[in-house]
Amino acid sequence: MHTTRVSPHTGLIVETTVQTQALRKAVEIVGGEEQLGARLGLSAGTIRLFISGRINLPQRLFLEVVDIISGESARIEKPGDVLARLARDGVTSKPRR
């Protein structure tokens, strides 16, 4: 689905696609373009280029954005990462007897 709108920032006509809508929603969920860029390994400027439609969002990144929107993590934590996160959060385990 493609629609067009006038950008309030530039006054230019912008094509809106499912990808740009998903990016906007992900930006909202994670708290900003910089935060989304950090999650995807990109700069905030690159995120803005994707949102504006100046460059096309690769399918791999689109799927990561969909994971963010759906509340699922696309990354699998390693056991050491899980233990470090639990320790940081103050969760401890005692041996069962």
PDB file of N, CA and C in Angstrom:
ATOM      1  N   MET A   1       0.832  -1.172   0.000  1.00  0.00           N
ATOM      2  CA  MET A   1       0.000   0.000   0.000  1.00  0.00           C
ATOM      3  C   MET A   1       0.879   1.239   0.000  1.00  0.00           C
ATOM      4  N   HIS A   2       0.646   2.125  -0.912  1.00  0.00           N
ATOM      5  CA  HIS A   2       1.388   3.370  -0.997  1.00  0.00           C
ATOM      6  C   HIS A   2       0.405   4.536  -0.929  1.00  0.00           C
ATOM      7  N   THR A   3       0.746   5.503  -0.118  1.00  0.00           N
ATOM      8  CA  THR A   3      -0.006   6.749  -0.093  1.00  0.00           C
ATOM      9  C   THR A   3       1.007   7.877  -0.109  1.00  0.00           C
ATOM     10  N   THR A   4       0.557   9.077  -0.358  1.00  0.00           N
ATOM     11  CA  THR A   4       1.464  10.221  -0.332  1.00  0.00           C
ATOM     12  C   THR A   4       0.938  11.250   0.647  1.00  0.00           C
ATOM     13  N   ARG A   5       1.859  12.028   1.171  1.00  0.00           N
ATOM     14  CA  ARG A   5       1.517  13.110   2.089  1.00  0.00           C
ATOM     15  C   ARG A   5       2.574  14.187   1.947  1.00  0.00           C
ATOM     16  N   VAL A   6       2.294  15.357   2.489  1.00  0.00           N
ATOM     17  CA  VAL A   6       3.260  16.447   2.486  1.00  0.00           C
ATOM     18  C   VAL A   6       3.967  16.440   3.833  1.00  0.00           C
ATOM     19  N   SER A   7       5.287  16.398   3.792  1.00  0.00           N
ATOM     20  CA  SER A   7       6.079  16.390   5.016  1.00  0.00           C
ATOM     21  C   SER A   7       5.943  17.731   5.728  1.00  0.00           C
ATOM     22  N   PRO A   8       5.614  17.714   7.028  1.00  0.00           N
ATOM     23  CA  PRO A   8       5.533  18.975   7.764  1.00  0.00           C
ATOM     24  C   PRO A   8       6.906  19.616   7.972  1.00  0.00           C
ATOM     25  N   HIS A   9       7.967  18.816   7.832  1.00  0.00           N
ATOM     26  CA  HIS A   9       9.325  19.319   8.054  1.00  0.00           C
ATOM     27  C   HIS A   9       9.932  19.962   6.813  1.00  0.00           C
ATOM     28  N   THR A  10       9.650  19.375   5.650  1.00  0.00           N
ATOM     29  CA  THR A  10      10.301  19.856   4.428  1.00  0.00           C
ATOM     30  C   THR A  10       9.332  20.452   3.423  1.00  0.00           C
ATOM     31  N   GLY A  11       8.033  20.164   3.574  1.00  0.00           N
ATOM     32  CA  GLY A  11       7.059  20.632   2.599  1.00  0.00           C
ATOM     33  C   GLY A  11       7.053  19.816   1.319  1.00  0.00           C
ATOM     34  N   LEU A  12       7.847  18.752   1.271  1.00  0.00           N
ATOM     35  CA  LEU A  12       7.929  17.905   0.089  1.00  0.00           C
ATOM     36  C   LEU A  12       6.896  16.786   0.173  1.00  0.00           C
ATOM     37  N   ILE A  13       6.498  16.280  -0.980  1.00  0.00           N
ATOM     38  CA  ILE A  13       5.595  15.135  -1.009  1.00  0.00           C
ATOM     39  C   ILE A  13       6.387  13.890  -0.661  1.00  0.00           C
ATOM     40  N   VAL A  14       5.876  13.124   0.298  1.00  0.00           N
ATOM     41  CA  VAL A  14       6.543  11.920   0.784  1.00  0.00           C
ATOM     42  C   VAL A  14       5.632  10.732   0.537  1.00  0.00           C
ATOM     43  N   GLU A  15       6.210   9.679  -0.016  1.00  0.00           N
ATOM     44  CA  GLU A  15       5.467   8.443  -0.225  1.00  0.00           C
ATOM     45  C   GLU A  15       5.469   7.653   1.080  1.00  0.00           C
ATOM     46  N   THR A  16       4.305   7.226   1.509  1.00  0.00           N
ATOM     47  CA  THR A  16       4.184   6.439   2.730  1.00  0.00           C
ATOM     48  C   THR A  16       3.943   4.985   2.344  1.00  0.00           C
ATOM     49  N   THR A  17       4.783   4.112   2.874  1.00  0.00           N
ATOM     50  CA  THR A  17       4.668   2.684   2.606  1.00  0.00           C
ATOM     51  C   THR A  17       4.506   1.951   3.936  1.00  0.00           C
ATOM     52  N   VAL A  18       4.265   0.678   3.849  1.00  0.00           N
ATOM     53  CA  VAL A  18       4.195  -0.142   5.057  1.00  0.00           C
ATOM     54  C   VAL A  18       5.520  -0.032   5.817  1.00  0.00           C
ATOM     55  N   GLN A  19       6.630  -0.001   5.078  1.00  0.00           N
ATOM     56  CA  GLN A  19       7.943   0.086   5.721  1.00  0.00           C
ATOM     57  C   GLN A  19       8.105   1.401   6.484  1.00  0.00           C
ATOM     58  N   THR A  20       7.711   2.522   5.869  1.00  0.00           N
ATOM     59  CA  THR A  20       7.871   3.804   6.561  1.00  0.00           C
ATOM     60  C   THR A  20       6.925   3.891   7.751  1.00  0.00           C
ATOM     61  N   GLN A  21       5.732   3.340   7.634  1.00  0.00           N
ATOM     62  CA  GLN A  21       4.809   3.323   8.769  1.00  0.00           C
ATOM     63  C   GLN A  21       5.375   2.473   9.905  1.00  0.00           C
ATOM     64  N   ALA A  22       5.960   1.330   9.562  1.00  0.00           N
ATOM     65  CA  ALA A  22       6.562   0.459  10.569  1.00  0.00           C
ATOM     66  C   ALA A  22       7.737   1.159  11.251  1.00  0.00           C
ATOM     67  N   LEU A  23       8.547   1.850  10.474  1.00  0.00           N
ATOM     68  CA  LEU A  23       9.673   2.584  11.054  1.00  0.00           C
ATOM     69  C   LEU A  23       9.192   3.655  12.026  1.00  0.00           C
ATOM     70  N   ARG A  24       8.172   4.395  11.651  1.00  0.00           N
ATOM     71  CA  ARG A  24       7.645   5.435  12.548  1.00  0.00           C
ATOM     72  C   ARG A  24       7.137   4.830  13.855  1.00  0.00           C
ATOM     73  N   LYS A  25       6.453   3.702  13.754  1.00  0.00           N
ATOM     74  CA  LYS A  25       5.938   3.028  14.953  1.00  0.00           C
ATOM     75  C   LYS A  25       7.093   2.533  15.818  1.00  0.00           C
ATOM     76  N   ALA A  26       8.118   1.965  15.214  1.00  0.00           N
ATOM     77  CA  ALA A  26       9.278   1.481  15.971  1.00  0.00           C
ATOM     78  C   ALA A  26      10.000   2.633  16.656  1.00  0.00           C
ATOM     79  N   VAL A  27      10.115   3.766  15.976  1.00  0.00           N
ATOM     80  CA  VAL A  27      10.731   4.963  16.581  1.00  0.00           C
ATOM     81  C   VAL A  27       9.947   5.361  17.822  1.00  0.00           C
ATOM     82  N   GLU A  28       8.637   5.333  17.717  1.00  0.00           N
ATOM     83  CA  GLU A  28       7.776   5.673  18.850  1.00  0.00           C
ATOM     84  C   GLU A  28       7.975   4.690  20.006  1.00  0.00           C
ATOM     85  N   ILE A  29       8.046   3.402  19.700  1.00  0.00           N
ATOM     86  CA  ILE A  29       8.170   2.366  20.722  1.00  0.00           C
ATOM     87  C   ILE A  29       9.493   2.458  21.472  1.00  0.00           C
ATOM     88  N   VAL A  30      10.599   2.645  20.741  1.00  0.00           N
ATOM     89  CA  VAL A  30      11.917   2.631  21.394  1.00  0.00           C
ATOM     90  C   VAL A  30      12.335   3.989  21.933  1.00  0.00           C
ATOM     91  N   GLY A  31      11.592   5.043  21.585  1.00  0.00           N
ATOM     92  CA  GLY A  31      11.874   6.348  22.179  1.00  0.00           C
ATOM     93  C   GLY A  31      12.644   7.314  21.313  1.00  0.00           C
ATOM     94  N   GLY A  32      12.775   7.063  20.035  1.00  0.00           N
ATOM     95  CA  GLY A  32      13.425   8.029  19.155  1.00  0.00           C
ATOM     96  C   GLY A  32      14.242   7.390  18.051  1.00  0.00           C
ATOM     97  N   GLU A  33      14.632   8.239  17.107  1.00  0.00           N
ATOM     98  CA  GLU A  33      15.408   7.764  15.954  1.00  0.00           C
ATOM     99  C   GLU A  33      16.779   7.271  16.368  1.00  0.00           C
ATOM    100  N   GLU A  34      17.408   7.955  17.325  1.00  0.00           N
ATOM    101  CA  GLU A  34      18.735   7.519  17.784  1.00  0.00           C
ATOM    102  C   GLU A  34      18.663   6.149  18.445  1.00  0.00           C
ATOM    103  N   GLN A  35      17.622   5.934  19.246  1.00  0.00           N
ATOM    104  CA  GLN A  35      17.470   4.646  19.925  1.00  0.00           C
ATOM    105  C   GLN A  35      17.202   3.528  18.924  1.00  0.00           C
ATOM    106  N   LEU A  36      16.356   3.794  17.930  1.00  0.00           N
ATOM    107  CA  LEU A  36      16.104   2.774  16.915  1.00  0.00           C
ATOM    108  C   LEU A  36      17.378   2.495  16.126  1.00  0.00           C
ATOM    109  N   GLY A  37      18.101   3.541  15.781  1.00  0.00           N
ATOM    110  CA  GLY A  37      19.366   3.355  15.082  1.00  0.00           C
ATOM    111  C   GLY A  37      20.322   2.488  15.873  1.00  0.00           C
ATOM    112  N   ALA A  38      20.395   2.728  17.183  1.00  0.00           N
ATOM    113  CA  ALA A  38      21.276   1.922  18.030  1.00  0.00           C
ATOM    114  C   ALA A  38      20.846   0.458  18.029  1.00  0.00           C
ATOM    115  N   ARG A  39      19.545   0.209  18.082  1.00  0.00           N
ATOM    116  CA  ARG A  39      19.043  -1.172  18.058  1.00  0.00           C
ATOM    117  C   ARG A  39      19.367  -1.871  16.746  1.00  0.00           C
ATOM    118  N   LEU A  40      19.350  -1.107  15.651  1.00  0.00           N
ATOM    119  CA  LEU A  40      19.570  -1.696  14.325  1.00  0.00           C
ATOM    120  C   LEU A  40      21.012  -1.565  13.847  1.00  0.00           C
ATOM    121  N   GLY A  41      21.857  -0.892  14.618  1.00  0.00           N
ATOM    122  CA  GLY A  41      23.247  -0.697  14.214  1.00  0.00           C
ATOM    123  C   GLY A  41      23.401   0.360  13.134  1.00  0.00           C
ATOM    124  N   LEU A  42      22.539   1.372  13.168  1.00  0.00           N
ATOM    125  CA  LEU A  42      22.547   2.440  12.164  1.00  0.00           C
ATOM    126  C   LEU A  42      22.577   3.797  12.847  1.00  0.00           C
ATOM    127  N   SER A  43      22.868   4.826  12.063  1.00  0.00           N
ATOM    128  CA  SER A  43      22.817   6.186  12.605  1.00  0.00           C
ATOM    129  C   SER A  43      21.382   6.697  12.555  1.00  0.00           C
ATOM    130  N   ALA A  44      21.093   7.703  13.367  1.00  0.00           N
ATOM    131  CA  ALA A  44      19.775   8.339  13.338  1.00  0.00           C
ATOM    132  C   ALA A  44      19.520   8.956  11.961  1.00  0.00           C
ATOM    133  N   GLY A  45      20.567   9.463  11.330  1.00  0.00           N
ATOM    134  CA  GLY A  45      20.428  10.040   9.990  1.00  0.00           C
ATOM    135  C   GLY A  45      19.983   9.004   8.968  1.00  0.00           C
ATOM    136  N   THR A  46      20.501   7.790   9.085  1.00  0.00           N
ATOM    137  CA  THR A  46      20.099   6.724   8.175  1.00  0.00           C
ATOM    138  C   THR A  46      18.642   6.349   8.424  1.00  0.00           C
ATOM    139  N   ILE A  47      18.243   6.315   9.688  1.00  0.00           N
ATOM    140  CA  ILE A  47      16.840   6.043  10.020  1.00  0.00           C
ATOM    141  C   ILE A  47      15.946   7.092   9.356  1.00  0.00           C
ATOM    142  N   ARG A  48      16.345   8.366   9.437  1.00  0.00           N
ATOM    143  CA  ARG A  48      15.553   9.438   8.808  1.00  0.00           C
ATOM    144  C   ARG A  48      15.489   9.269   7.297  1.00  0.00           C
ATOM    145  N   LEU A  49      16.571   8.809   6.668  1.00  0.00           N
ATOM    146  CA  LEU A  49      16.555   8.566   5.223  1.00  0.00           C
ATOM    147  C   LEU A  49      15.574   7.457   4.864  1.00  0.00           C
ATOM    148  N   PHE A  50      15.536   6.412   5.676  1.00  0.00           N
ATOM    149  CA  PHE A  50      14.570   5.335   5.444  1.00  0.00           C
ATOM    150  C   PHE A  50      13.142   5.848   5.602  1.00  0.00           C
ATOM    151  N   ILE A  51      12.898   6.607   6.675  1.00  0.00           N
ATOM    152  CA  ILE A  51      11.552   7.117   6.944  1.00  0.00           C
ATOM    153  C   ILE A  51      11.091   8.067   5.836  1.00  0.00           C
ATOM    154  N   SER A  52      12.003   8.868   5.337  1.00  0.00           N
ATOM    155  CA  SER A  52      11.640   9.825   4.285  1.00  0.00           C
ATOM    156  C   SER A  52      11.449   9.151   2.932  1.00  0.00           C
ATOM    157  N   GLY A  53      11.885   7.902   2.820  1.00  0.00           N
ATOM    158  CA  GLY A  53      11.774   7.194   1.551  1.00  0.00           C
ATOM    159  C   GLY A  53      12.895   7.506   0.576  1.00  0.00           C
ATOM    160  N   ARG A  54      13.904   8.234   1.036  1.00  0.00           N
ATOM    161  CA  ARG A  54      15.032   8.559   0.150  1.00  0.00           C
ATOM    162  C   ARG A  54      15.861   7.332  -0.180  1.00  0.00           C
ATOM    163  N   ILE A  55      15.933   6.401   0.759  1.00  0.00           N
ATOM    164  CA  ILE A  55      16.576   5.113   0.487  1.00  0.00           C
ATOM    165  C   ILE A  55      15.632   4.008   0.942  1.00  0.00           C
ATOM    166  N   ASN A  56      15.711   2.877   0.279  1.00  0.00           N
ATOM    167  CA  ASN A  56      14.824   1.760   0.589  1.00  0.00           C
ATOM    168  C   ASN A  56      15.341   0.963   1.767  1.00  0.00           C
ATOM    169  N   LEU A  57      14.412   0.549   2.611  1.00  0.00           N
ATOM    170  CA  LEU A  57      14.734  -0.258   3.775  1.00  0.00           C
ATOM    171  C   LEU A  57      14.947  -1.704   3.336  1.00  0.00           C
ATOM    172  N   PRO A  58      16.147  -2.263   3.591  1.00  0.00           N
ATOM    173  CA  PRO A  58      16.386  -3.664   3.230  1.00  0.00           C
ATOM    174  C   PRO A  58      15.451  -4.603   4.009  1.00  0.00           C
ATOM    175  N   GLN A  59      15.113  -5.722   3.407  1.00  0.00           N
ATOM    176  CA  GLN A  59      14.173  -6.661   4.029  1.00  0.00           C
ATOM    177  C   GLN A  59      14.644  -7.120   5.402  1.00  0.00           C
ATOM    178  N   ARG A  60      15.941  -7.376   5.551  1.00  0.00           N
ATOM    179  CA  ARG A  60      16.474  -7.833   6.847  1.00  0.00           C
ATOM    180  C   ARG A  60      16.168  -6.825   7.944  1.00  0.00           C
ATOM    181  N   LEU A  61      16.364  -5.534   7.648  1.00  0.00           N
ATOM    182  CA  LEU A  61      16.087  -4.501   8.636  1.00  0.00           C
ATOM    183  C   LEU A  61      14.590  -4.350   8.871  1.00  0.00           C
ATOM    184  N   PHE A  62      13.808  -4.480   7.799  1.00  0.00           N
ATOM    185  CA  PHE A  62      12.357  -4.402   7.951  1.00  0.00           C
ATOM    186  C   PHE A  62      11.869  -5.489   8.906  1.00  0.00           C
ATOM    187  N   LEU A  63      12.413  -6.690   8.784  1.00  0.00           N
ATOM    188  CA  LEU A  63      12.005  -7.776   9.673  1.00  0.00           C
ATOM    189  C   LEU A  63      12.401  -7.497  11.125  1.00  0.00           C
ATOM    190  N   GLU A  64      13.542  -6.856  11.336  1.00  0.00           N
ATOM    191  CA  GLU A  64      13.941  -6.463  12.692  1.00  0.00           C
ATOM    192  C   GLU A  64      12.982  -5.411  13.247  1.00  0.00           C
ATOM    193  N   VAL A  65      12.562  -4.475  12.396  1.00  0.00           N
ATOM    194  CA  VAL A  65      11.601  -3.449  12.803  1.00  0.00           C
ATOM    195  C   VAL A  65      10.276  -4.114  13.181  1.00  0.00           C
ATOM    196  N   VAL A  66       9.847  -5.086  12.396  1.00  0.00           N
ATOM    197  CA  VAL A  66       8.606  -5.808  12.701  1.00  0.00           C
ATOM    198  C   VAL A  66       8.731  -6.522  14.043  1.00  0.00           C
ATOM    199  N   ASP A  67       9.886  -7.105  14.326  1.00  0.00           N
ATOM    200  CA  ASP A  67      10.102  -7.751  15.626  1.00  0.00           C
ATOM    201  C   ASP A  67       9.960  -6.747  16.770  1.00  0.00           C
ATOM    202  N   ILE A  68      10.491  -5.553  16.596  1.00  0.00           N
ATOM    203  CA  ILE A  68      10.375  -4.516  17.623  1.00  0.00           C
ATOM    204  C   ILE A  68       8.912  -4.160  17.837  1.00  0.00           C
ATOM    205  N   ILE A  69       8.186  -3.979  16.759  1.00  0.00           N
ATOM    206  CA  ILE A  69       6.782  -3.602  16.858  1.00  0.00           C
ATOM    207  C   ILE A  69       5.960  -4.706  17.510  1.00  0.00           C
ATOM    208  N   SER A  70       6.272  -5.933  17.180  1.00  0.00           N
ATOM    209  CA  SER A  70       5.496  -7.053  17.717  1.00  0.00           C
ATOM    210  C   SER A  70       5.901  -7.407  19.144  1.00  0.00           C
ATOM    211  N   GLY A  71       6.943  -6.757  19.655  1.00  0.00           N
ATOM    212  CA  GLY A  71       7.355  -6.990  21.033  1.00  0.00           C
ATOM    213  C   GLY A  71       8.281  -8.164  21.202  1.00  0.00           C
ATOM    214  N   GLU A  72       8.714  -8.743  20.100  1.00  0.00           N
ATOM    215  CA  GLU A  72       9.629  -9.865  20.171  1.00  0.00           C
ATOM    216  C   GLU A  72      11.035  -9.381  19.849  1.00  0.00           C
ATOM    217  N   SER A  73      12.000 -10.002  20.457  1.00  0.00           N
ATOM    218  CA  SER A  73      13.381  -9.644  20.187  1.00  0.00           C
ATOM    219  C   SER A  73      13.927 -10.512  19.062  1.00  0.00           C
ATOM    220  N   ALA A  74      14.559  -9.864  18.079  1.00  0.00           N
ATOM    221  CA  ALA A  74      15.140 -10.615  16.976  1.00  0.00           C
ATOM    222  C   ALA A  74      16.480 -11.220  17.364  1.00  0.00           C
ATOM    223  N   ARG A  75      17.010 -10.781  18.493  1.00  0.00           N
ATOM    224  CA  ARG A  75      18.321 -11.263  18.912  1.00  0.00           C
ATOM    225  C   ARG A  75      18.165 -12.298  20.019  1.00  0.00           C
ATOM    226  N   ILE A  76      18.929 -13.343  19.948  1.00  0.00           N
ATOM    227  CA  ILE A  76      18.890 -14.386  20.963  1.00  0.00           C
ATOM    228  C   ILE A  76      20.031 -14.132  21.935  1.00  0.00           C
ATOM    229  N   GLU A  77      19.695 -14.054  23.230  1.00  0.00           N
ATOM    230  CA  GLU A  77      20.723 -13.811  24.227  1.00  0.00           C
ATOM    231  C   GLU A  77      21.558 -15.072  24.443  1.00  0.00           C
ATOM    232  N   LYS A  78      22.843 -14.850  24.609  1.00  0.00           N
ATOM    233  CA  LYS A  78      23.743 -15.939  24.963  1.00  0.00           C
ATOM    234  C   LYS A  78      23.601 -16.192  26.462  1.00  0.00           C
ATOM    235  N   PRO A  79      23.872 -17.415  26.931  1.00  0.00           N
ATOM    236  CA  PRO A  79      23.740 -17.695  28.370  1.00  0.00           C
ATOM    237  C   PRO A  79      24.525 -16.720  29.248  1.00  0.00           C
ATOM    238  N   GLY A  80      25.722 -16.352  28.833  1.00  0.00           N
ATOM    239  CA  GLY A  80      26.513 -15.394  29.613  1.00  0.00           C
ATOM    240  C   GLY A  80      25.850 -14.027  29.684  1.00  0.00           C
ATOM    241  N   ASP A  81      25.200 -13.607  28.593  1.00  0.00           N
ATOM    242  CA  ASP A  81      24.494 -12.334  28.577  1.00  0.00           C
ATOM    243  C   ASP A  81      23.299 -12.369  29.521  1.00  0.00           C
ATOM    244  N   VAL A  82      22.603 -13.505  29.553  1.00  0.00           N
ATOM    245  CA  VAL A  82      21.451 -13.653  30.431  1.00  0.00           C
ATOM    246  C   VAL A  82      21.905 -13.564  31.879  1.00  0.00           C
ATOM    247  N   LEU A  83      22.980 -14.262  32.233  1.00  0.00           N
ATOM    248  CA  LEU A  83      23.487 -14.237  33.603  1.00  0.00           C
ATOM    249  C   LEU A  83      23.940 -12.836  33.992  1.00  0.00           C
ATOM    250  N   ALA A  84      24.606 -12.132  33.089  1.00  0.00           N
ATOM    251  CA  ALA A  84      25.055 -10.764  33.379  1.00  0.00           C
ATOM    252  C   ALA A  84      23.860  -9.846  33.603  1.00  0.00           C
ATOM    253  N   ARG A  85      22.810  -9.994  32.773  1.00  0.00           N
ATOM    254  CA  ARG A  85      21.618  -9.156  32.931  1.00  0.00           C
ATOM    255  C   ARG A  85      20.928  -9.448  34.256  1.00  0.00           C
ATOM    256  N   LEU A  86      20.822 -10.735  34.604  1.00  0.00           N
ATOM    257  CA  LEU A  86      20.191 -11.097  35.870  1.00  0.00           C
ATOM    258  C   LEU A  86      20.980 -10.555  37.053  1.00  0.00           C
ATOM    259  N   ALA A  87      22.302 -10.649  36.995  1.00  0.00           N
ATOM    260  CA  ALA A  87      23.137 -10.122  38.072  1.00  0.00           C
ATOM    261  C   ALA A  87      22.980  -8.611  38.178  1.00  0.00           C
ATOM    262  N   ARG A  88      22.936  -7.928  37.039  1.00  0.00           N
ATOM    263  CA  ARG A  88      22.761  -6.475  37.021  1.00  0.00           C
ATOM    264  C   ARG A  88      21.416  -6.078  37.624  1.00  0.00           C
ATOM    265  N   ASP A  89      20.390  -6.909  37.370  1.00  0.00           N
ATOM    266  CA  ASP A  89      19.046  -6.634  37.884  1.00  0.00           C
ATOM    267  C   ASP A  89      18.865  -7.091  39.332  1.00  0.00           C
ATOM    268  N   GLY A  90      19.928  -7.661  39.926  1.00  0.00           N
ATOM    269  CA  GLY A  90      19.859  -8.081  41.311  1.00  0.00           C
ATOM    270  C   GLY A  90      19.202  -9.421  41.544  1.00  0.00           C
ATOM    271  N   VAL A  91      19.077 -10.215  40.488  1.00  0.00           N
ATOM    272  CA  VAL A  91      18.472 -11.538  40.636  1.00  0.00           C
ATOM    273  C   VAL A  91      19.585 -12.525  40.952  1.00  0.00           C
ATOM    274  N   THR A  92      19.412 -13.259  42.013  1.00  0.00           N
ATOM    275  CA  THR A  92      20.400 -14.259  42.383  1.00  0.00           C
ATOM    276  C   THR A  92      19.722 -15.613  42.478  1.00  0.00           C
ATOM    277  N   SER A  93      20.493 -16.622  42.363  1.00  0.00           N
ATOM    278  CA  SER A  93      19.929 -17.970  42.490  1.00  0.00           C
ATOM    279  C   SER A  93      20.652 -18.690  43.618  1.00  0.00           C
ATOM    280  N   LYS A  94      19.889 -19.460  44.343  1.00  0.00           N
ATOM    281  CA  LYS A  94      20.464 -20.284  45.406  1.00  0.00           C
ATOM    282  C   LYS A  94      20.304 -21.732  44.973  1.00  0.00           C
ATOM    283  N   PRO A  95      21.287 -22.546  45.255  1.00  0.00           N
ATOM    284  CA  PRO A  95      21.171 -23.952  44.870  1.00  0.00           C
ATOM    285  C   PRO A  95      19.986 -24.609  45.570  1.00  0.00           C
ATOM    286  N   ARG A  96      19.275 -25.445  44.812  1.00  0.00           N
ATOM    287  CA  ARG A  96      18.141 -26.202  45.389  1.00  0.00           C
ATOM    288  C   ARG A  96      18.663 -27.426  46.114  1.00  0.00           C
ATOM    289  N   ARG A  97      17.997 -27.778  47.192  1.00  0.00           N
ATOM    290  CA  ARG A  97      18.404 -28.970  47.943  1.00  0.00           C
ATOM    291  C   ARG A  97      17.305 -29.956  47.980  1.00  0.00           C
TER     292      ARG A  97
END
